[in-house]
């Protein structure tokens, strides 16, 4: 999960002024990406609802869209250090694609549930991000475990897309919330260390900022998706 190949620095009471400015930039990029996703979803619901609903009613179309999104995210991450501007543009493109995906969700889930899931996601994300930023623990040892868990979630989700089982769906949703909560803390912890390893190099700092914004954006939207699933499952059980 470390695209930079940098050795983890040991930090002793580092100056947080630059770190705070760095994370202000990271979250600025991340919130811009979320805004693009929300705007795309709004246009999708109000203008292209029929077309998007028809397209995403086919599991194969969902897999194709997911494949394109994974390719764009991977390329954006790989370009973050060598060409931060291109990486940022790709992140915005990814945000648009995610907006298309969320259009299908907005068409089938009531706004009250979406809002509740969003608030819950923001609270969980914020808490885990603060933990990852402030903990003195080095979380790099979690990399392999989290990467394996994400791969397992992807494979399990694809299988359940074709052979749906409600118990498996619930289990995947719960595991997804746990994994992306931990991933949020891990990414914040990693970004803090990456920042201090490139501090003073303007282009490298910019590259890490874009990389961090993309990582945290992915953590947030995936956490939101799994939390929304749980809201749907238990909301339907209460009807």
C-alpha atoms as a PDB file:
ATOM      1  CA  UNK A   1       0.000   0.000   0.000  1.00  0.00           C
ATOM      2  CA  UNK A   2       3.061   2.241  -0.010  1.00  0.00           C
ATOM      3  CA  UNK A   3       3.669   3.500  -3.539  1.00  0.00           C
ATOM      4  CA  UNK A   4       6.652   5.570  -2.554  1.00  0.00           C
ATOM      5  CA  UNK A   5       9.195   3.092  -1.275  1.00  0.00           C
ATOM      6  CA  UNK A   6      10.264   5.441   1.530  1.00  0.00           C
ATOM      7  CA  UNK A   7      11.714   4.200   4.794  1.00  0.00           C
ATOM      8  CA  UNK A   8       9.542   5.022   7.774  1.00  0.00           C
ATOM      9  CA  UNK A   9      11.134   7.962   9.651  1.00  0.00           C
ATOM     10  CA  UNK A  10      11.246   8.029  13.428  1.00  0.00           C
ATOM     11  CA  UNK A  11       9.733  11.319  14.519  1.00  0.00           C
ATOM     12  CA  UNK A  12      10.398  13.075  17.820  1.00  0.00           C
ATOM     13  CA  UNK A  13       8.057  15.962  18.597  1.00  0.00           C
ATOM     14  CA  UNK A  14       7.871  17.137  14.953  1.00  0.00           C
ATOM     15  CA  UNK A  15       6.615  20.619  14.116  1.00  0.00           C
ATOM     16  CA  UNK A  16       2.896  20.224  13.313  1.00  0.00           C
ATOM     17  CA  UNK A  17       2.468  23.542  11.510  1.00  0.00           C
ATOM     18  CA  UNK A  18       3.516  22.141   8.154  1.00  0.00           C
ATOM     19  CA  UNK A  19       1.654  18.903   8.846  1.00  0.00           C
ATOM     20  CA  UNK A  20      -1.576  20.767   9.533  1.00  0.00           C
ATOM     21  CA  UNK A  21      -1.196  22.773   6.308  1.00  0.00           C
ATOM     22  CA  UNK A  22      -0.516  19.524   4.438  1.00  0.00           C
ATOM     23  CA  UNK A  23      -3.662  17.838   5.726  1.00  0.00           C
ATOM     24  CA  UNK A  24      -5.683  20.969   5.016  1.00  0.00           C
ATOM     25  CA  UNK A  25      -4.674  20.557   1.378  1.00  0.00           C
ATOM     26  CA  UNK A  26      -5.366  16.811   1.439  1.00  0.00           C
ATOM     27  CA  UNK A  27      -8.881  17.287   2.796  1.00  0.00           C
ATOM     28  CA  UNK A  28      -9.525  20.163   0.427  1.00  0.00           C
ATOM     29  CA  UNK A  29      -8.853  17.847  -2.520  1.00  0.00           C
ATOM     30  CA  UNK A  30     -10.868  15.059  -0.931  1.00  0.00           C
ATOM     31  CA  UNK A  31     -13.925  17.239  -0.285  1.00  0.00           C
ATOM     32  CA  UNK A  32     -13.717  18.586  -3.837  1.00  0.00           C
ATOM     33  CA  UNK A  33     -13.834  15.002  -5.102  1.00  0.00           C
ATOM     34  CA  UNK A  34     -16.845  14.285  -2.882  1.00  0.00           C
ATOM     35  CA  UNK A  35     -18.533  17.428  -4.194  1.00  0.00           C
ATOM     36  CA  UNK A  36     -17.947  16.313  -7.796  1.00  0.00           C
ATOM     37  CA  UNK A  37     -19.435  12.913  -6.945  1.00  0.00           C
ATOM     38  CA  UNK A  38     -22.488  14.512  -5.339  1.00  0.00           C
ATOM     39  CA  UNK A  39     -22.978  16.903  -8.278  1.00  0.00           C
ATOM     40  CA  UNK A  40     -22.679  14.062 -10.774  1.00  0.00           C
ATOM     41  CA  UNK A  41     -25.227  12.027  -8.827  1.00  0.00           C
ATOM     42  CA  UNK A  42     -27.617  14.991  -8.771  1.00  0.00           C
ATOM     43  CA  UNK A  43     -27.346  15.404 -12.547  1.00  0.00           C
ATOM     44  CA  UNK A  44     -27.730  11.658 -12.964  1.00  0.00           C
ATOM     45  CA  UNK A  45     -30.912  11.541 -10.901  1.00  0.00           C
ATOM     46  CA  UNK A  46     -32.483  14.644 -12.435  1.00  0.00           C
ATOM     47  CA  UNK A  47     -31.425  14.249 -16.083  1.00  0.00           C
ATOM     48  CA  UNK A  48     -30.152  10.735 -16.859  1.00  0.00           C
ATOM     49  CA  UNK A  49     -32.051   8.597 -14.370  1.00  0.00           C
ATOM     50  CA  UNK A  50     -33.625   6.227 -16.895  1.00  0.00           C
ATOM     51  CA  UNK A  51     -30.424   5.666 -18.854  1.00  0.00           C
ATOM     52  CA  UNK A  52     -28.271   5.039 -15.784  1.00  0.00           C
ATOM     53  CA  UNK A  53     -30.856   2.805 -14.100  1.00  0.00           C
ATOM     54  CA  UNK A  54     -31.144   0.724 -17.276  1.00  0.00           C
ATOM     55  CA  UNK A  55     -27.384   0.450 -17.669  1.00  0.00           C
ATOM     56  CA  UNK A  56     -26.695  -0.549 -14.063  1.00  0.00           C
ATOM     57  CA  UNK A  57     -29.537  -3.063 -13.903  1.00  0.00           C
ATOM     58  CA  UNK A  58     -27.184  -5.441 -15.733  1.00  0.00           C
ATOM     59  CA  UNK A  59     -24.564  -7.118 -13.463  1.00  0.00           C
ATOM     60  CA  UNK A  60     -22.101  -7.221 -16.370  1.00  0.00           C
ATOM     61  CA  UNK A  61     -22.402  -3.454 -16.815  1.00  0.00           C
ATOM     62  CA  UNK A  62     -21.743  -3.003 -13.098  1.00  0.00           C
ATOM     63  CA  UNK A  63     -18.593  -5.122 -13.364  1.00  0.00           C
ATOM     64  CA  UNK A  64     -17.403  -3.157 -16.403  1.00  0.00           C
ATOM     65  CA  UNK A  65     -17.930   0.154 -14.608  1.00  0.00           C
ATOM     66  CA  UNK A  66     -16.187  -1.214 -11.513  1.00  0.00           C
ATOM     67  CA  UNK A  67     -13.266  -2.414 -13.650  1.00  0.00           C
ATOM     68  CA  UNK A  68     -12.897   0.993 -15.304  1.00  0.00           C
ATOM     69  CA  UNK A  69     -13.031   2.717 -11.917  1.00  0.00           C
ATOM     70  CA  UNK A  70     -10.363   0.425 -10.469  1.00  0.00           C
ATOM     71  CA  UNK A  71      -8.114   1.065 -13.469  1.00  0.00           C
ATOM     72  CA  UNK A  72      -8.529   4.850 -13.193  1.00  0.00           C
ATOM     73  CA  UNK A  73      -7.880   4.805  -9.428  1.00  0.00           C
ATOM     74  CA  UNK A  74      -4.796   2.635  -9.858  1.00  0.00           C
ATOM     75  CA  UNK A  75      -3.390   4.851 -12.612  1.00  0.00           C
ATOM     76  CA  UNK A  76      -4.118   8.004 -10.604  1.00  0.00           C
ATOM     77  CA  UNK A  77      -2.303   6.562  -7.607  1.00  0.00           C
ATOM     78  CA  UNK A  78       0.679   5.523  -9.722  1.00  0.00           C
ATOM     79  CA  UNK A  79       0.970   8.976 -11.299  1.00  0.00           C
ATOM     80  CA  UNK A  80       0.739  10.927  -8.034  1.00  0.00           C
ATOM     81  CA  UNK A  81       4.482  11.406  -7.511  1.00  0.00           C
ATOM     82  CA  UNK A  82       5.658  11.756 -11.098  1.00  0.00           C
ATOM     83  CA  UNK A  83       2.771  13.934 -12.296  1.00  0.00           C
ATOM     84  CA  UNK A  84       0.550  15.265  -9.469  1.00  0.00           C
ATOM     85  CA  UNK A  85      -1.529  17.377 -11.860  1.00  0.00           C
ATOM     86  CA  UNK A  86      -2.438  14.389 -14.017  1.00  0.00           C
ATOM     87  CA  UNK A  87      -3.155  12.335 -10.927  1.00  0.00           C
ATOM     88  CA  UNK A  88      -5.487  15.033  -9.630  1.00  0.00           C
ATOM     89  CA  UNK A  89      -7.322  15.148 -12.971  1.00  0.00           C
ATOM     90  CA  UNK A  90      -7.742  11.373 -12.911  1.00  0.00           C
ATOM     91  CA  UNK A  91      -9.080  11.585  -9.363  1.00  0.00           C
ATOM     92  CA  UNK A  92     -11.713  14.062 -10.544  1.00  0.00           C
ATOM     93  CA  UNK A  93     -12.577  11.687 -13.406  1.00  0.00           C
ATOM     94  CA  UNK A  94     -12.911   8.860 -10.909  1.00  0.00           C
ATOM     95  CA  UNK A  95     -15.212  11.072  -8.829  1.00  0.00           C
ATOM     96  CA  UNK A  96     -17.495  11.487 -11.830  1.00  0.00           C
ATOM     97  CA  UNK A  97     -17.623   7.710 -12.390  1.00  0.00           C
ATOM     98  CA  UNK A  98     -18.417   7.200  -8.719  1.00  0.00           C
ATOM     99  CA  UNK A  99     -21.217   9.743  -9.116  1.00  0.00           C
ATOM    100  CA  UNK A 100     -22.716   7.574 -11.869  1.00  0.00           C
ATOM    101  CA  UNK A 101     -22.607   4.600  -9.527  1.00  0.00           C
ATOM    102  CA  UNK A 102     -24.207   6.584  -6.706  1.00  0.00           C
ATOM    103  CA  UNK A 103     -26.987   7.701  -9.047  1.00  0.00           C
ATOM    104  CA  UNK A 104     -28.276   4.129  -9.065  1.00  0.00           C
ATOM    105  CA  UNK A 105     -28.213   4.121  -5.253  1.00  0.00           C
ATOM    106  CA  UNK A 106     -30.018   7.469  -5.021  1.00  0.00           C
ATOM    107  CA  UNK A 107     -32.768   6.133  -7.286  1.00  0.00           C
ATOM    108  CA  UNK A 108     -33.506   3.173  -5.017  1.00  0.00           C
ATOM    109  CA  UNK A 109     -32.814   4.450  -1.479  1.00  0.00           C
ATOM    110  CA  UNK A 110     -34.770   7.216   0.276  1.00  0.00           C
ATOM    111  CA  UNK A 111     -32.909  10.451   0.987  1.00  0.00           C
ATOM    112  CA  UNK A 112     -33.450  10.191   4.742  1.00  0.00           C
ATOM    113  CA  UNK A 113     -31.573   6.896   4.881  1.00  0.00           C
ATOM    114  CA  UNK A 114     -28.809   8.251   2.644  1.00  0.00           C
ATOM    115  CA  UNK A 115     -28.420  11.298   4.894  1.00  0.00           C
ATOM    116  CA  UNK A 116     -28.327   9.165   8.059  1.00  0.00           C
ATOM    117  CA  UNK A 117     -25.728   6.865   6.513  1.00  0.00           C
ATOM    118  CA  UNK A 118     -23.663   9.878   5.417  1.00  0.00           C
ATOM    119  CA  UNK A 119     -23.685  11.409   8.908  1.00  0.00           C
ATOM    120  CA  UNK A 120     -22.735   8.065  10.440  1.00  0.00           C
ATOM    121  CA  UNK A 121     -19.961   7.634   7.903  1.00  0.00           C
ATOM    122  CA  UNK A 122     -18.610  11.121   8.603  1.00  0.00           C
ATOM    123  CA  UNK A 123     -18.556  10.379  12.344  1.00  0.00           C
ATOM    124  CA  UNK A 124     -16.797   7.020  11.977  1.00  0.00           C
ATOM    125  CA  UNK A 125     -14.385   8.364   9.373  1.00  0.00           C
ATOM    126  CA  UNK A 126     -13.557  11.404  11.487  1.00  0.00           C
ATOM    127  CA  UNK A 127     -12.928   9.334  14.605  1.00  0.00           C
ATOM    128  CA  UNK A 128     -10.683   6.823  12.837  1.00  0.00           C
ATOM    129  CA  UNK A 129      -8.826   9.579  10.985  1.00  0.00           C
ATOM    130  CA  UNK A 130      -8.074  11.350  14.258  1.00  0.00           C
ATOM    131  CA  UNK A 131      -6.858   8.100  15.768  1.00  0.00           C
ATOM    132  CA  UNK A 132      -4.575   7.398  12.817  1.00  0.00           C
ATOM    133  CA  UNK A 133      -3.166  10.924  12.929  1.00  0.00           C
ATOM    134  CA  UNK A 134      -2.521  11.112  16.659  1.00  0.00           C
ATOM    135  CA  UNK A 135      -1.574   7.563  17.634  1.00  0.00           C
ATOM    136  CA  UNK A 136       2.088   6.937  18.356  1.00  0.00           C
ATOM    137  CA  UNK A 137       1.681   3.399  17.074  1.00  0.00           C
ATOM    138  CA  UNK A 138       3.225   2.519  13.709  1.00  0.00           C
ATOM    139  CA  UNK A 139       0.358   0.951  11.764  1.00  0.00           C
ATOM    140  CA  UNK A 140       2.429  -0.118   8.739  1.00  0.00           C
ATOM    141  CA  UNK A 141       2.321  -3.749   9.909  1.00  0.00           C
ATOM    142  CA  UNK A 142      -1.411  -3.785   9.055  1.00  0.00           C
ATOM    143  CA  UNK A 143      -0.748  -3.216   5.344  1.00  0.00           C
ATOM    144  CA  UNK A 144      -0.814  -6.847   4.173  1.00  0.00           C
ATOM    145  CA  UNK A 145      -3.827  -7.724   6.328  1.00  0.00           C
ATOM    146  CA  UNK A 146      -5.884  -4.768   5.091  1.00  0.00           C
ATOM    147  CA  UNK A 147      -4.903  -5.322   1.457  1.00  0.00           C
ATOM    148  CA  UNK A 148      -5.922  -8.983   1.706  1.00  0.00           C
ATOM    149  CA  UNK A 149      -9.210  -8.026   3.337  1.00  0.00           C
ATOM    150  CA  UNK A 150     -10.023  -5.547   0.548  1.00  0.00           C
ATOM    151  CA  UNK A 151      -9.303  -8.200  -2.107  1.00  0.00           C
ATOM    152  CA  UNK A 152     -11.528 -10.664  -0.230  1.00  0.00           C
ATOM    153  CA  UNK A 153     -14.329  -8.070  -0.095  1.00  0.00           C
ATOM    154  CA  UNK A 154     -14.058  -7.472  -3.850  1.00  0.00           C
ATOM    155  CA  UNK A 155     -14.124 -11.198  -4.682  1.00  0.00           C
ATOM    156  CA  UNK A 156     -16.947 -11.870  -2.225  1.00  0.00           C
ATOM    157  CA  UNK A 157     -18.955  -8.959  -3.617  1.00  0.00           C
ATOM    158  CA  UNK A 158     -18.572 -10.175  -7.205  1.00  0.00           C
ATOM    159  CA  UNK A 159     -19.619 -13.726  -6.307  1.00  0.00           C
ATOM    160  CA  UNK A 160     -22.618 -12.482  -4.326  1.00  0.00           C
ATOM    161  CA  UNK A 161     -23.612 -10.249  -7.235  1.00  0.00           C
ATOM    162  CA  UNK A 162     -24.376 -13.360  -9.290  1.00  0.00           C
ATOM    163  CA  UNK A 163     -25.327 -15.799  -6.494  1.00  0.00           C
ATOM    164  CA  UNK A 164     -27.025 -13.521  -4.006  1.00  0.00           C
ATOM    165  CA  UNK A 165     -27.309 -14.660  -0.416  1.00  0.00           C
ATOM    166  CA  UNK A 166     -28.706 -12.301   2.218  1.00  0.00           C
ATOM    167  CA  UNK A 167     -26.527 -13.696   5.038  1.00  0.00           C
ATOM    168  CA  UNK A 168     -23.372 -13.309   2.949  1.00  0.00           C
ATOM    169  CA  UNK A 169     -24.488  -9.796   1.971  1.00  0.00           C
ATOM    170  CA  UNK A 170     -24.838  -8.857   5.656  1.00  0.00           C
ATOM    171  CA  UNK A 171     -21.501 -10.430   6.551  1.00  0.00           C
ATOM    172  CA  UNK A 172     -19.700  -8.621   3.718  1.00  0.00           C
ATOM    173  CA  UNK A 173     -21.291  -5.326   4.769  1.00  0.00           C
ATOM    174  CA  UNK A 174     -20.186  -5.688   8.403  1.00  0.00           C
ATOM    175  CA  UNK A 175     -16.665  -6.713   7.401  1.00  0.00           C
ATOM    176  CA  UNK A 176     -16.558  -3.823   4.918  1.00  0.00           C
ATOM    177  CA  UNK A 177     -17.340  -1.283   7.654  1.00  0.00           C
ATOM    178  CA  UNK A 178     -14.609  -2.737   9.879  1.00  0.00           C
ATOM    179  CA  UNK A 179     -12.018  -2.926   7.096  1.00  0.00           C
ATOM    180  CA  UNK A 180     -12.511   0.609   5.766  1.00  0.00           C
ATOM    181  CA  UNK A 181     -12.666   2.055   9.276  1.00  0.00           C
ATOM    182  CA  UNK A 182      -9.250   0.523   9.939  1.00  0.00           C
ATOM    183  CA  UNK A 183      -8.098   1.563   6.468  1.00  0.00           C
ATOM    184  CA  UNK A 184      -8.926   5.179   7.294  1.00  0.00           C
ATOM    185  CA  UNK A 185      -6.749   5.089  10.407  1.00  0.00           C
ATOM    186  CA  UNK A 186      -4.003   3.267   8.511  1.00  0.00           C
ATOM    187  CA  UNK A 187      -3.973   5.760   5.631  1.00  0.00           C
ATOM    188  CA  UNK A 188      -3.875   8.765   7.963  1.00  0.00           C
ATOM    189  CA  UNK A 189      -1.005   7.199   9.894  1.00  0.00           C
ATOM    190  CA  UNK A 190       0.848   6.434   6.659  1.00  0.00           C
ATOM    191  CA  UNK A 191       0.246   9.899   5.222  1.00  0.00           C
ATOM    192  CA  UNK A 192       1.670  11.540   8.326  1.00  0.00           C
ATOM    193  CA  UNK A 193       4.858   9.544   7.946  1.00  0.00           C
ATOM    194  CA  UNK A 194       5.007  10.095   4.198  1.00  0.00           C
ATOM    195  CA  UNK A 195       4.665  13.837   4.682  1.00  0.00           C
ATOM    196  CA  UNK A 196       7.675  13.996   6.998  1.00  0.00           C
ATOM    197  CA  UNK A 197       9.692  11.836   4.596  1.00  0.00           C
ATOM    198  CA  UNK A 198       9.212  14.334   1.714  1.00  0.00           C
ATOM    199  CA  UNK A 199       8.867  17.561   3.718  1.00  0.00           C
ATOM    200  CA  UNK A 200      10.585  20.467   1.951  1.00  0.00           C
ATOM    201  CA  UNK A 201      10.247  18.994  -1.545  1.00  0.00           C
ATOM    202  CA  UNK A 202       7.361  20.939  -3.076  1.00  0.00           C
ATOM    203  CA  UNK A 203       6.525  18.508  -5.900  1.00  0.00           C
ATOM    204  CA  UNK A 204       6.801  15.473  -3.634  1.00  0.00           C
ATOM    205  CA  UNK A 205       4.580  17.102  -1.018  1.00  0.00           C
ATOM    206  CA  UNK A 206       2.026  17.859  -3.729  1.00  0.00           C
ATOM    207  CA  UNK A 207       2.205  14.278  -4.971  1.00  0.00           C
ATOM    208  CA  UNK A 208       1.678  12.875  -1.491  1.00  0.00           C
ATOM    209  CA  UNK A 209      -1.229  15.304  -0.967  1.00  0.00           C
ATOM    210  CA  UNK A 210      -2.997  14.090  -4.116  1.00  0.00           C
ATOM    211  CA  UNK A 211      -2.239  10.460  -3.270  1.00  0.00           C
ATOM    212  CA  UNK A 212      -3.570  11.007   0.244  1.00  0.00           C
ATOM    213  CA  UNK A 213      -6.731  12.727  -0.962  1.00  0.00           C
ATOM    214  CA  UNK A 214      -7.466   9.830  -3.309  1.00  0.00           C
ATOM    215  CA  UNK A 215      -6.794   7.247  -0.587  1.00  0.00           C
ATOM    216  CA  UNK A 216      -9.028   8.968   1.950  1.00  0.00           C
ATOM    217  CA  UNK A 217     -11.735   9.610  -0.658  1.00  0.00           C
ATOM    218  CA  UNK A 218     -11.792   5.879  -1.441  1.00  0.00           C
ATOM    219  CA  UNK A 219     -11.915   5.047   2.259  1.00  0.00           C
ATOM    220  CA  UNK A 220     -14.842   7.424   2.780  1.00  0.00           C
ATOM    221  CA  UNK A 221     -16.980   6.317  -0.159  1.00  0.00           C
ATOM    222  CA  UNK A 222     -16.418   2.611   0.527  1.00  0.00           C
ATOM    223  CA  UNK A 223     -17.213   3.085   4.202  1.00  0.00           C
ATOM    224  CA  UNK A 224     -20.367   4.980   3.198  1.00  0.00           C
ATOM    225  CA  UNK A 225     -21.455   2.204   0.832  1.00  0.00           C
ATOM    226  CA  UNK A 226     -21.132  -0.507   3.475  1.00  0.00           C
ATOM    227  CA  UNK A 227     -22.780   1.564   6.202  1.00  0.00           C
ATOM    228  CA  UNK A 228     -25.658   2.383   3.834  1.00  0.00           C
ATOM    229  CA  UNK A 229     -26.058  -1.327   3.146  1.00  0.00           C
ATOM    230  CA  UNK A 230     -26.429  -1.981   6.873  1.00  0.00           C
ATOM    231  CA  UNK A 231     -28.979   0.821   7.152  1.00  0.00           C
ATOM    232  CA  UNK A 232     -30.944  -0.786   4.308  1.00  0.00           C
ATOM    233  CA  UNK A 233     -30.749  -4.272   5.785  1.00  0.00           C
ATOM    234  CA  UNK A 234     -31.899  -3.297   9.263  1.00  0.00           C
ATOM    235  CA  UNK A 235     -34.284  -0.651   7.968  1.00  0.00           C
ATOM    236  CA  UNK A 236     -36.050  -3.253   5.815  1.00  0.00           C
ATOM    237  CA  UNK A 237     -36.160  -5.651   8.777  1.00  0.00           C
ATOM    238  CA  UNK A 238     -37.974  -3.012  10.816  1.00  0.00           C
ATOM    239  CA  UNK A 239     -40.640  -2.404   8.144  1.00  0.00           C
END
